């Protein structure tokens, strides 16, 4: 299995676009996404899947939003495990 740094971005990559009729900013976070998923989303325009399971089409500046706590926890655990 490859090193976690080879398959995951080390920083938040994008914030989610609101889906399923959600309103407000309560669901807007920067998420961790596998690099291959991020590239596919950028090239093909398909939804990306974050470590936490959130699916969305990335299209906003991730610097404007806080990091998803669930994504960060999963990423830290994978990194600590050497994956």
C-alpha atoms as a PDB file:
ATOM      1  CA  UNK A   1       0.000   0.000   0.000  1.00  0.00           C
ATOM      2  CA  UNK A   2       1.321   3.452  -0.795  1.00  0.00           C
ATOM      3  CA  UNK A   3       2.250   6.095   1.709  1.00  0.00           C
ATOM      4  CA  UNK A   4      -0.597   8.367   2.841  1.00  0.00           C
ATOM      5  CA  UNK A   5       1.187  11.407   1.427  1.00  0.00           C
ATOM      6  CA  UNK A   6       1.116   9.855  -2.052  1.00  0.00           C
ATOM      7  CA  UNK A   7      -2.666   9.521  -2.168  1.00  0.00           C
ATOM      8  CA  UNK A   8      -4.047  12.274   0.049  1.00  0.00           C
ATOM      9  CA  UNK A   9      -3.613  15.987  -0.128  1.00  0.00           C
ATOM     10  CA  UNK A  10      -1.818  17.293   2.960  1.00  0.00           C
ATOM     11  CA  UNK A  11      -4.013  20.397   3.175  1.00  0.00           C
ATOM     12  CA  UNK A  12      -7.706  21.121   2.694  1.00  0.00           C
ATOM     13  CA  UNK A  13      -8.464  21.127  -0.996  1.00  0.00           C
ATOM     14  CA  UNK A  14     -11.958  22.446  -1.580  1.00  0.00           C
ATOM     15  CA  UNK A  15     -15.138  23.373   0.189  1.00  0.00           C
ATOM     16  CA  UNK A  16     -18.406  21.642  -0.635  1.00  0.00           C
ATOM     17  CA  UNK A  17     -21.084  22.976  -2.885  1.00  0.00           C
ATOM     18  CA  UNK A  18     -24.444  22.837  -1.123  1.00  0.00           C
ATOM     19  CA  UNK A  19     -26.441  19.798  -2.186  1.00  0.00           C
ATOM     20  CA  UNK A  20     -29.860  18.284  -1.586  1.00  0.00           C
ATOM     21  CA  UNK A  21     -31.544  21.641  -0.986  1.00  0.00           C
ATOM     22  CA  UNK A  22     -29.422  22.567   2.018  1.00  0.00           C
ATOM     23  CA  UNK A  23     -29.286  26.234   2.908  1.00  0.00           C
ATOM     24  CA  UNK A  24     -26.843  28.355   4.884  1.00  0.00           C
ATOM     25  CA  UNK A  25     -23.179  27.981   5.742  1.00  0.00           C
ATOM     26  CA  UNK A  26     -23.535  25.139   8.272  1.00  0.00           C
ATOM     27  CA  UNK A  27     -22.259  22.564   5.760  1.00  0.00           C
ATOM     28  CA  UNK A  28     -19.387  24.514   4.238  1.00  0.00           C
ATOM     29  CA  UNK A  29     -15.974  23.148   5.159  1.00  0.00           C
ATOM     30  CA  UNK A  30     -12.672  22.435   3.480  1.00  0.00           C
ATOM     31  CA  UNK A  31     -12.285  18.671   3.107  1.00  0.00           C
ATOM     32  CA  UNK A  32      -9.435  16.218   2.587  1.00  0.00           C
ATOM     33  CA  UNK A  33      -9.686  14.351  -0.719  1.00  0.00           C
ATOM     34  CA  UNK A  34      -7.522  11.746  -2.436  1.00  0.00           C
ATOM     35  CA  UNK A  35      -5.386  13.407  -5.107  1.00  0.00           C
ATOM     36  CA  UNK A  36      -6.726  11.107  -7.817  1.00  0.00           C
ATOM     37  CA  UNK A  37     -10.335  12.010  -6.904  1.00  0.00           C
ATOM     38  CA  UNK A  38      -9.486  15.707  -6.942  1.00  0.00           C
ATOM     39  CA  UNK A  39      -7.900  15.461 -10.390  1.00  0.00           C
ATOM     40  CA  UNK A  40     -10.847  13.487 -11.742  1.00  0.00           C
ATOM     41  CA  UNK A  41     -13.281  16.070 -10.353  1.00  0.00           C
ATOM     42  CA  UNK A  42     -11.292  18.898 -11.937  1.00  0.00           C
ATOM     43  CA  UNK A  43     -10.925  17.222 -15.341  1.00  0.00           C
ATOM     44  CA  UNK A  44     -14.244  15.399 -15.691  1.00  0.00           C
ATOM     45  CA  UNK A  45     -16.463  17.598 -13.524  1.00  0.00           C
ATOM     46  CA  UNK A  46     -17.645  14.669 -11.431  1.00  0.00           C
ATOM     47  CA  UNK A  47     -18.194  14.836  -7.655  1.00  0.00           C
ATOM     48  CA  UNK A  48     -15.233  14.225  -5.353  1.00  0.00           C
ATOM     49  CA  UNK A  49     -15.538  12.169  -2.175  1.00  0.00           C
ATOM     50  CA  UNK A  50     -13.891  13.461   0.994  1.00  0.00           C
ATOM     51  CA  UNK A  51     -12.415  11.191   3.664  1.00  0.00           C
ATOM     52  CA  UNK A  52     -15.528  11.854   5.764  1.00  0.00           C
ATOM     53  CA  UNK A  53     -17.783  10.630   2.944  1.00  0.00           C
ATOM     54  CA  UNK A  54     -19.033  14.061   1.799  1.00  0.00           C
ATOM     55  CA  UNK A  55     -19.618  14.136  -1.979  1.00  0.00           C
ATOM     56  CA  UNK A  56     -19.614  17.385  -3.936  1.00  0.00           C
ATOM     57  CA  UNK A  57     -18.249  19.129  -6.992  1.00  0.00           C
ATOM     58  CA  UNK A  58     -15.326  21.274  -5.787  1.00  0.00           C
ATOM     59  CA  UNK A  59     -15.522  24.825  -7.063  1.00  0.00           C
ATOM     60  CA  UNK A  60     -14.769  27.287  -4.256  1.00  0.00           C
ATOM     61  CA  UNK A  61     -11.722  28.658  -2.452  1.00  0.00           C
ATOM     62  CA  UNK A  62     -10.902  26.266   0.436  1.00  0.00           C
ATOM     63  CA  UNK A  63      -9.125  29.025   2.354  1.00  0.00           C
ATOM     64  CA  UNK A  64     -12.490  30.635   3.133  1.00  0.00           C
ATOM     65  CA  UNK A  65     -13.781  27.720   5.206  1.00  0.00           C
ATOM     66  CA  UNK A  66     -12.696  25.782   8.302  1.00  0.00           C
ATOM     67  CA  UNK A  67     -11.329  22.252   7.923  1.00  0.00           C
ATOM     68  CA  UNK A  68     -13.828  19.437   8.383  1.00  0.00           C
ATOM     69  CA  UNK A  69     -13.050  17.934  11.792  1.00  0.00           C
ATOM     70  CA  UNK A  70     -13.943  14.406  10.649  1.00  0.00           C
ATOM     71  CA  UNK A  71     -11.633  14.594   7.613  1.00  0.00           C
ATOM     72  CA  UNK A  72      -8.797  15.924   9.758  1.00  0.00           C
ATOM     73  CA  UNK A  73      -9.258  13.151  12.336  1.00  0.00           C
ATOM     74  CA  UNK A  74      -9.234  10.448   9.646  1.00  0.00           C
ATOM     75  CA  UNK A  75      -6.216  11.984   7.898  1.00  0.00           C
ATOM     76  CA  UNK A  76      -4.259  12.243  11.170  1.00  0.00           C
ATOM     77  CA  UNK A  77      -5.076   8.601  12.015  1.00  0.00           C
ATOM     78  CA  UNK A  78      -3.936   7.406   8.568  1.00  0.00           C
ATOM     79  CA  UNK A  79      -0.774   9.466   8.813  1.00  0.00           C
ATOM     80  CA  UNK A  80       0.001   8.106  12.299  1.00  0.00           C
ATOM     81  CA  UNK A  81      -0.525   4.559  11.036  1.00  0.00           C
ATOM     82  CA  UNK A  82       1.935   5.203   8.214  1.00  0.00           C
ATOM     83  CA  UNK A  83      -0.592   4.586   5.465  1.00  0.00           C
END
